[in-house]
Amino acid sequence: IVLEQYIRMLIACGMPASDLDLIHAKGAVMSELIERAPVRTVQFTGSSEVAELLATKTRGKVRIEDAGFDWKILGPDASDAMLDYVAWQSDQDAYAASGQKCSAQSILFAHQSWVELGLLDKIGQLASRRKVDDLTLGPVLTVSTERMKQHTENLLAIPGAKALFGGKPLEGQSFYEGCGAFEATAIYVPLEEMLKEEHFELVCTEIFGPFQVVTTWETSQLASVLEAC
């Protein structure tokens, strides 16, 4: 339904109606079409199981958008020259489209060498510039403000956890009551606490909005990072 309305908007804005086809079908039907039609490449968003199937059927001619709780790992190769770019990319991955992307960054594992260069402060500065007025931040339809607020409080109850930035509802805005309106938020959780059985499921709960968990690690903790992933 959403895609159909989007296509109608494109046509209303001047796109020739003959430029795009919308096909609504069951997976088996679309699978046969992909196999039989001269498809140059396939863009897919969804489960890893179907993604693997498509990779085989198309002989690799597929671009896949990951889904679910996604992570970024920054290793010990911290670089002053790359700092601004990595901070910008991290901000974009976590908060662009208000975090409502299947590929949104849900957790950041930042090596201590990046932290010492000031990476987390730079991400916080970029996130703080996001606002409703210029559409760099907005309400989300899938998670309520109360849900994000409660999740923040639950994470902050973990020993050593702290709010790096955000963590509050958007103020001075009026949205539909069912929407979620929250600041771009990052909650730090120590790696050793994250891995504890009583905390791990909470830390790895996906919030489909402008929200991420951040942790830091030393080179000696690589095994713990891999265990978490």
C-alpha atoms as a PDB file:
ATOM      1  CA  ILE A   1       0.000   0.000   0.000  1.00  0.00           C
ATOM      2  CA  VAL A   2       2.792   2.414   0.901  1.00  0.00           C
ATOM      3  CA  LEU A   3       4.696   1.648  -2.312  1.00  0.00           C
ATOM      4  CA  GLU A   4       1.572   2.076  -4.432  1.00  0.00           C
ATOM      5  CA  GLN A   5       0.945   5.512  -2.955  1.00  0.00           C
ATOM      6  CA  TYR A   6       4.604   6.421  -3.502  1.00  0.00           C
ATOM      7  CA  ILE A   7       4.327   5.465  -7.192  1.00  0.00           C
ATOM      8  CA  ARG A   8       1.157   7.543  -7.511  1.00  0.00           C
ATOM      9  CA  MET A   9       3.066  10.496  -6.063  1.00  0.00           C
ATOM     10  CA  LEU A  10       5.911   9.992  -8.583  1.00  0.00           C
ATOM     11  CA  ILE A  11       3.396  10.015 -11.434  1.00  0.00           C
ATOM     12  CA  ALA A  12       1.737  13.141 -10.015  1.00  0.00           C
ATOM     13  CA  CYS A  13       5.192  14.775  -9.929  1.00  0.00           C
ATOM     14  CA  GLY A  14       5.744  14.046 -13.605  1.00  0.00           C
ATOM     15  CA  MET A  15       7.207  10.556 -13.917  1.00  0.00           C
ATOM     16  CA  PRO A  16       5.815   8.801 -17.017  1.00  0.00           C
ATOM     17  CA  ALA A  17       3.471   6.050 -15.813  1.00  0.00           C
ATOM     18  CA  SER A  18       5.134   3.632 -18.244  1.00  0.00           C
ATOM     19  CA  ASP A  19       8.521   3.947 -16.504  1.00  0.00           C
ATOM     20  CA  LEU A  20       7.703   1.666 -13.577  1.00  0.00           C
ATOM     21  CA  ASP A  21       5.708  -1.495 -12.956  1.00  0.00           C
ATOM     22  CA  LEU A  22       4.343  -2.558  -9.586  1.00  0.00           C
ATOM     23  CA  ILE A  23       3.950  -6.322  -9.233  1.00  0.00           C
ATOM     24  CA  HIS A  24       2.197  -7.667  -6.145  1.00  0.00           C
ATOM     25  CA  ALA A  25       2.611 -11.428  -5.892  1.00  0.00           C
ATOM     26  CA  LYS A  26       3.485 -14.302  -3.605  1.00  0.00           C
ATOM     27  CA  GLY A  27       7.126 -15.211  -3.174  1.00  0.00           C
ATOM     28  CA  ALA A  28       6.936 -18.324  -5.369  1.00  0.00           C
ATOM     29  CA  VAL A  29       5.497 -16.316  -8.274  1.00  0.00           C
ATOM     30  CA  MET A  30       8.142 -13.605  -7.995  1.00  0.00           C
ATOM     31  CA  SER A  31      10.847 -16.264  -7.721  1.00  0.00           C
ATOM     32  CA  GLU A  32       9.748 -17.803 -11.016  1.00  0.00           C
ATOM     33  CA  LEU A  33       9.613 -14.383 -12.665  1.00  0.00           C
ATOM     34  CA  ILE A  34      13.160 -13.584 -11.541  1.00  0.00           C
ATOM     35  CA  GLU A  35      14.390 -16.921 -12.897  1.00  0.00           C
ATOM     36  CA  ARG A  36      12.608 -16.697 -16.257  1.00  0.00           C
ATOM     37  CA  ALA A  37      12.731 -12.984 -17.086  1.00  0.00           C
ATOM     38  CA  PRO A  38      15.925 -11.232 -18.305  1.00  0.00           C
ATOM     39  CA  VAL A  39      16.452  -9.403 -15.002  1.00  0.00           C
ATOM     40  CA  ARG A  40      19.724  -7.454 -14.950  1.00  0.00           C
ATOM     41  CA  THR A  41      19.914  -7.081 -11.166  1.00  0.00           C
ATOM     42  CA  VAL A  42      17.660  -7.470  -8.117  1.00  0.00           C
ATOM     43  CA  GLN A  43      17.454  -5.156  -5.089  1.00  0.00           C
ATOM     44  CA  PHE A  44      16.181  -7.035  -2.043  1.00  0.00           C
ATOM     45  CA  THR A  45      15.246  -6.037   1.484  1.00  0.00           C
ATOM     46  CA  GLY A  46      14.174  -8.763   3.874  1.00  0.00           C
ATOM     47  CA  SER A  47      15.213 -11.971   5.573  1.00  0.00           C
ATOM     48  CA  SER A  48      18.662 -13.533   5.263  1.00  0.00           C
ATOM     49  CA  GLU A  49      17.040 -16.834   4.236  1.00  0.00           C
ATOM     50  CA  VAL A  50      15.412 -15.324   1.136  1.00  0.00           C
ATOM     51  CA  ALA A  51      18.528 -13.248   0.433  1.00  0.00           C
ATOM     52  CA  GLU A  52      20.631 -16.419   0.264  1.00  0.00           C
ATOM     53  CA  LEU A  53      18.053 -18.039  -2.021  1.00  0.00           C
ATOM     54  CA  LEU A  54      18.089 -15.011  -4.352  1.00  0.00           C
ATOM     55  CA  ALA A  55      21.886 -14.951  -4.436  1.00  0.00           C
ATOM     56  CA  THR A  56      21.787 -18.514  -5.771  1.00  0.00           C
ATOM     57  CA  LYS A  57      18.896 -18.008  -8.215  1.00  0.00           C
ATOM     58  CA  THR A  58      20.374 -14.816  -9.695  1.00  0.00           C
ATOM     59  CA  ARG A  59      23.947 -16.154  -9.633  1.00  0.00           C
ATOM     60  CA  GLY A  60      24.992 -13.197  -7.521  1.00  0.00           C
ATOM     61  CA  LYS A  61      23.161 -10.478  -9.457  1.00  0.00           C
ATOM     62  CA  VAL A  62      21.480  -9.140  -6.328  1.00  0.00           C
ATOM     63  CA  ARG A  63      21.973  -6.180  -3.999  1.00  0.00           C
ATOM     64  CA  ILE A  64      20.866  -6.960  -0.463  1.00  0.00           C
ATOM     65  CA  GLU A  65      19.826  -4.562   2.270  1.00  0.00           C
ATOM     66  CA  ASP A  66      20.402  -6.134   5.658  1.00  0.00           C
ATOM     67  CA  ALA A  67      17.523  -6.269   8.101  1.00  0.00           C
ATOM     68  CA  GLY A  68      17.145  -6.356  11.862  1.00  0.00           C
ATOM     69  CA  PHE A  69      19.625  -5.457  14.602  1.00  0.00           C
ATOM     70  CA  ASP A  70      22.739  -4.270  12.760  1.00  0.00           C
ATOM     71  CA  TRP A  71      26.176  -3.416  14.052  1.00  0.00           C
ATOM     72  CA  LYS A  72      29.273  -1.453  13.046  1.00  0.00           C
ATOM     73  CA  ILE A  73      32.721  -2.432  14.289  1.00  0.00           C
ATOM     74  CA  LEU A  74      35.480   0.185  14.296  1.00  0.00           C
ATOM     75  CA  GLY A  75      38.860  -1.503  14.682  1.00  0.00           C
ATOM     76  CA  PRO A  76      42.229  -0.339  16.009  1.00  0.00           C
ATOM     77  CA  ASP A  77      43.076   1.554  12.797  1.00  0.00           C
ATOM     78  CA  ALA A  78      41.957   4.966  14.082  1.00  0.00           C
ATOM     79  CA  SER A  79      42.975   7.812  11.812  1.00  0.00           C
ATOM     80  CA  ASP A  80      42.805  11.586  12.199  1.00  0.00           C
ATOM     81  CA  ALA A  81      42.396  11.868   8.445  1.00  0.00           C
ATOM     82  CA  MET A  82      39.331   9.578   8.500  1.00  0.00           C
ATOM     83  CA  LEU A  83      37.798  10.854  11.736  1.00  0.00           C
ATOM     84  CA  ASP A  84      35.307  13.331  10.262  1.00  0.00           C
ATOM     85  CA  TYR A  85      34.188  10.881   7.585  1.00  0.00           C
ATOM     86  CA  VAL A  86      33.731   7.968  10.010  1.00  0.00           C
ATOM     87  CA  ALA A  87      31.779  10.196  12.401  1.00  0.00           C
ATOM     88  CA  TRP A  88      29.557  11.420   9.545  1.00  0.00           C
ATOM     89  CA  GLN A  89      28.959   7.879   8.276  1.00  0.00           C
ATOM     90  CA  SER A  90      28.144   6.637  11.782  1.00  0.00           C
ATOM     91  CA  ASP A  91      25.634   9.448  12.269  1.00  0.00           C
ATOM     92  CA  GLN A  92      24.041   8.734   8.887  1.00  0.00           C
ATOM     93  CA  ASP A  93      23.870   4.979   9.486  1.00  0.00           C
ATOM     94  CA  ALA A  94      22.195   5.368  12.862  1.00  0.00           C
ATOM     95  CA  TYR A  95      19.918   8.376  12.393  1.00  0.00           C
ATOM     96  CA  ALA A  96      19.202   9.104   8.709  1.00  0.00           C
ATOM     97  CA  ALA A  97      15.485   8.666   7.961  1.00  0.00           C
ATOM     98  CA  SER A  98      15.049   8.914  11.757  1.00  0.00           C
ATOM     99  CA  GLY A  99      16.605   5.464  12.058  1.00  0.00           C
ATOM    100  CA  GLN A 100      13.713   3.879  10.150  1.00  0.00           C
ATOM    101  CA  LYS A 101      15.852   1.805   7.788  1.00  0.00           C
ATOM    102  CA  CYS A 102      16.220  -1.972   7.781  1.00  0.00           C
ATOM    103  CA  SER A 103      19.969  -1.351   7.599  1.00  0.00           C
ATOM    104  CA  ALA A 104      20.049   1.223  10.422  1.00  0.00           C
ATOM    105  CA  GLN A 105      23.007   0.968  12.779  1.00  0.00           C
ATOM    106  CA  SER A 106      21.690  -0.438  16.051  1.00  0.00           C
ATOM    107  CA  ILE A 107      24.982  -0.816  17.928  1.00  0.00           C
ATOM    108  CA  LEU A 108      28.460   0.634  17.507  1.00  0.00           C
ATOM    109  CA  PHE A 109      31.573  -1.203  18.712  1.00  0.00           C
ATOM    110  CA  ALA A 110      34.182   1.580  18.778  1.00  0.00           C
ATOM    111  CA  HIS A 111      37.816   0.669  19.437  1.00  0.00           C
ATOM    112  CA  GLN A 112      39.345   2.777  22.182  1.00  0.00           C
ATOM    113  CA  SER A 113      41.747   4.361  19.695  1.00  0.00           C
ATOM    114  CA  TRP A 114      38.802   6.010  17.914  1.00  0.00           C
ATOM    115  CA  VAL A 115      37.326   7.167  21.219  1.00  0.00           C
ATOM    116  CA  GLU A 116      40.616   8.826  22.148  1.00  0.00           C
ATOM    117  CA  LEU A 117      40.490  10.799  18.887  1.00  0.00           C
ATOM    118  CA  GLY A 118      37.085  12.149  19.934  1.00  0.00           C
ATOM    119  CA  LEU A 119      34.841  10.086  17.658  1.00  0.00           C
ATOM    120  CA  LEU A 120      31.914   9.783  20.068  1.00  0.00           C
ATOM    121  CA  ASP A 121      31.918  13.536  20.720  1.00  0.00           C
ATOM    122  CA  LYS A 122      31.854  14.206  16.967  1.00  0.00           C
ATOM    123  CA  ILE A 123      28.947  11.807  16.426  1.00  0.00           C
ATOM    124  CA  GLY A 124      27.118  13.553  19.263  1.00  0.00           C
ATOM    125  CA  GLN A 125      27.712  16.963  17.663  1.00  0.00           C
ATOM    126  CA  LEU A 126      26.333  15.739  14.328  1.00  0.00           C
ATOM    127  CA  ALA A 127      23.319  14.094  15.977  1.00  0.00           C
ATOM    128  CA  SER A 128      22.529  17.248  17.960  1.00  0.00           C
ATOM    129  CA  ARG A 129      22.075  19.195  14.707  1.00  0.00           C
ATOM    130  CA  ARG A 130      19.212  16.953  13.619  1.00  0.00           C
ATOM    131  CA  LYS A 131      15.834  18.629  13.974  1.00  0.00           C
ATOM    132  CA  VAL A 132      12.298  18.418  12.671  1.00  0.00           C
ATOM    133  CA  ASP A 133      12.433  21.842  10.986  1.00  0.00           C
ATOM    134  CA  ASP A 134      14.874  20.690   8.293  1.00  0.00           C
ATOM    135  CA  LEU A 135      13.529  17.103   8.175  1.00  0.00           C
ATOM    136  CA  THR A 136      16.773  15.556   9.458  1.00  0.00           C
ATOM    137  CA  LEU A 137      14.727  14.109  12.315  1.00  0.00           C
ATOM    138  CA  GLY A 138      11.062  13.279  12.539  1.00  0.00           C
ATOM    139  CA  PRO A 139       8.369  11.189  14.173  1.00  0.00           C
ATOM    140  CA  VAL A 140       8.387   7.405  13.779  1.00  0.00           C
ATOM    141  CA  LEU A 141       5.308   5.287  13.251  1.00  0.00           C
ATOM    142  CA  THR A 142       6.497   2.000  14.711  1.00  0.00           C
ATOM    143  CA  VAL A 143       7.755   2.881  18.205  1.00  0.00           C
ATOM    144  CA  SER A 144       5.993   5.180  20.653  1.00  0.00           C
ATOM    145  CA  THR A 145       7.735   7.924  22.595  1.00  0.00           C
ATOM    146  CA  GLU A 146       6.922   6.083  25.803  1.00  0.00           C
ATOM    147  CA  ARG A 147       8.487   2.864  24.465  1.00  0.00           C
ATOM    148  CA  MET A 148      11.739   4.636  23.586  1.00  0.00           C
ATOM    149  CA  LYS A 149      11.769   6.425  26.919  1.00  0.00           C
ATOM    150  CA  GLN A 150      11.253   3.157  28.807  1.00  0.00           C
ATOM    151  CA  HIS A 151      13.946   1.387  26.775  1.00  0.00           C
ATOM    152  CA  THR A 152      16.359   4.200  27.588  1.00  0.00           C
ATOM    153  CA  GLU A 153      15.627   3.867  31.297  1.00  0.00           C
ATOM    154  CA  ASN A 154      16.025   0.082  31.165  1.00  0.00           C
ATOM    155  CA  LEU A 155      19.430   0.388  29.495  1.00  0.00           C
ATOM    156  CA  LEU A 156      20.583   3.072  31.939  1.00  0.00           C
ATOM    157  CA  ALA A 157      19.842   0.679  34.800  1.00  0.00           C
ATOM    158  CA  ILE A 158      22.701  -1.569  33.607  1.00  0.00           C
ATOM    159  CA  PRO A 159      25.829  -0.972  35.733  1.00  0.00           C
ATOM    160  CA  GLY A 160      28.180   1.474  34.027  1.00  0.00           C
ATOM    161  CA  ALA A 161      25.653   2.538  31.383  1.00  0.00           C
ATOM    162  CA  LYS A 162      25.222   6.222  30.540  1.00  0.00           C
ATOM    163  CA  ALA A 163      23.534   8.446  27.982  1.00  0.00           C
ATOM    164  CA  LEU A 164      26.103   9.809  25.521  1.00  0.00           C
ATOM    165  CA  PHE A 165      23.513  12.134  23.982  1.00  0.00           C
ATOM    166  CA  GLY A 166      19.769  12.356  23.433  1.00  0.00           C
ATOM    167  CA  GLY A 167      17.553  10.152  25.546  1.00  0.00           C
ATOM    168  CA  LYS A 168      14.631  12.589  25.722  1.00  0.00           C
ATOM    169  CA  PRO A 169      11.357  13.122  23.852  1.00  0.00           C
ATOM    170  CA  LEU A 170      11.340  15.882  21.233  1.00  0.00           C
ATOM    171  CA  GLU A 171      10.014  19.105  22.734  1.00  0.00           C
ATOM    172  CA  GLY A 172       8.041  21.898  21.130  1.00  0.00           C
ATOM    173  CA  GLN A 173       6.461  19.615  18.533  1.00  0.00           C
ATOM    174  CA  SER A 174       2.925  18.342  18.111  1.00  0.00           C
ATOM    175  CA  PHE A 175       2.559  14.991  16.394  1.00  0.00           C
ATOM    176  CA  TYR A 176      -0.147  12.389  16.218  1.00  0.00           C
ATOM    177  CA  GLU A 177      -0.410  10.746  19.623  1.00  0.00           C
ATOM    178  CA  GLY A 178       0.522   7.295  18.327  1.00  0.00           C
ATOM    179  CA  CYS A 179       3.847   8.476  16.868  1.00  0.00           C
ATOM    180  CA  GLY A 180       7.209   8.273  18.543  1.00  0.00           C
ATOM    181  CA  ALA A 181       9.080  11.593  18.759  1.00  0.00           C
ATOM    182  CA  PHE A 182      12.532  11.170  20.288  1.00  0.00           C
ATOM    183  CA  GLU A 183      15.912  12.873  20.083  1.00  0.00           C
ATOM    184  CA  ALA A 184      18.726  11.107  18.234  1.00  0.00           C
ATOM    185  CA  THR A 185      19.963   8.932  21.087  1.00  0.00           C
ATOM    186  CA  ALA A 186      23.055   6.900  21.970  1.00  0.00           C
ATOM    187  CA  ILE A 187      23.321   4.877  25.176  1.00  0.00           C
ATOM    188  CA  TYR A 188      26.730   3.573  26.239  1.00  0.00           C
ATOM    189  CA  VAL A 189      26.828   0.085  27.774  1.00  0.00           C
ATOM    190  CA  PRO A 190      30.126  -1.493  28.922  1.00  0.00           C
ATOM    191  CA  LEU A 191      31.038  -4.520  26.804  1.00  0.00           C
ATOM    192  CA  GLU A 192      31.487  -6.822  29.784  1.00  0.00           C
ATOM    193  CA  GLU A 193      28.018  -5.913  31.096  1.00  0.00           C
ATOM    194  CA  MET A 194      26.428  -6.298  27.659  1.00  0.00           C
ATOM    195  CA  LEU A 195      27.583  -9.913  27.429  1.00  0.00           C
ATOM    196  CA  LYS A 196      25.955 -10.910  30.708  1.00  0.00           C
ATOM    197  CA  GLU A 197      22.941 -13.131  30.203  1.00  0.00           C
ATOM    198  CA  GLU A 198      20.623 -10.845  32.152  1.00  0.00           C
ATOM    199  CA  HIS A 199      21.494  -7.845  29.919  1.00  0.00           C
ATOM    200  CA  PHE A 200      22.207  -9.202  26.451  1.00  0.00           C
ATOM    201  CA  GLU A 201      18.628  -9.516  25.167  1.00  0.00           C
ATOM    202  CA  LEU A 202      17.787  -6.005  26.361  1.00  0.00           C
ATOM    203  CA  VAL A 203      20.865  -4.477  24.737  1.00  0.00           C
ATOM    204  CA  CYS A 204      20.106  -6.274  21.459  1.00  0.00           C
ATOM    205  CA  THR A 205      16.467  -5.209  21.302  1.00  0.00           C
ATOM    206  CA  GLU A 206      15.922  -3.311  18.062  1.00  0.00           C
ATOM    207  CA  ILE A 207      14.309   0.099  18.363  1.00  0.00           C
ATOM    208  CA  PHE A 208      13.154   1.116  14.875  1.00  0.00           C
ATOM    209  CA  GLY A 209      13.850   4.788  15.403  1.00  0.00           C
ATOM    210  CA  PRO A 210      16.710   7.255  16.071  1.00  0.00           C
ATOM    211  CA  PHE A 211      18.309   5.065  18.714  1.00  0.00           C
ATOM    212  CA  GLN A 212      21.555   3.124  19.094  1.00  0.00           C
ATOM    213  CA  VAL A 213      23.691   1.434  21.714  1.00  0.00           C
ATOM    214  CA  VAL A 214      27.424   2.229  21.845  1.00  0.00           C
ATOM    215  CA  THR A 215      30.192   0.257  23.465  1.00  0.00           C
ATOM    216  CA  THR A 216      33.981   0.539  23.408  1.00  0.00           C
ATOM    217  CA  TRP A 217      36.644  -2.150  23.303  1.00  0.00           C
ATOM    218  CA  GLU A 218      40.373  -2.701  23.621  1.00  0.00           C
ATOM    219  CA  THR A 219      42.373  -4.949  21.313  1.00  0.00           C
ATOM    220  CA  SER A 220      42.541  -7.552  24.083  1.00  0.00           C
ATOM    221  CA  GLN A 221      38.707  -7.738  24.028  1.00  0.00           C
ATOM    222  CA  LEU A 222      38.332  -8.779  20.375  1.00  0.00           C
ATOM    223  CA  ALA A 223      37.041 -12.221  21.391  1.00  0.00           C
ATOM    224  CA  SER A 224      34.259 -10.528  23.375  1.00  0.00           C
ATOM    225  CA  VAL A 225      33.265  -8.369  20.404  1.00  0.00           C
ATOM    226  CA  LEU A 226      33.069 -11.457  18.186  1.00  0.00           C
ATOM    227  CA  GLU A 227      31.075 -13.297  20.856  1.00  0.00           C
ATOM    228  CA  ALA A 228      28.554 -10.433  20.978  1.00  0.00           C
ATOM    229  CA  CYS A 229      28.184 -10.428  17.190  1.00  0.00           C
END
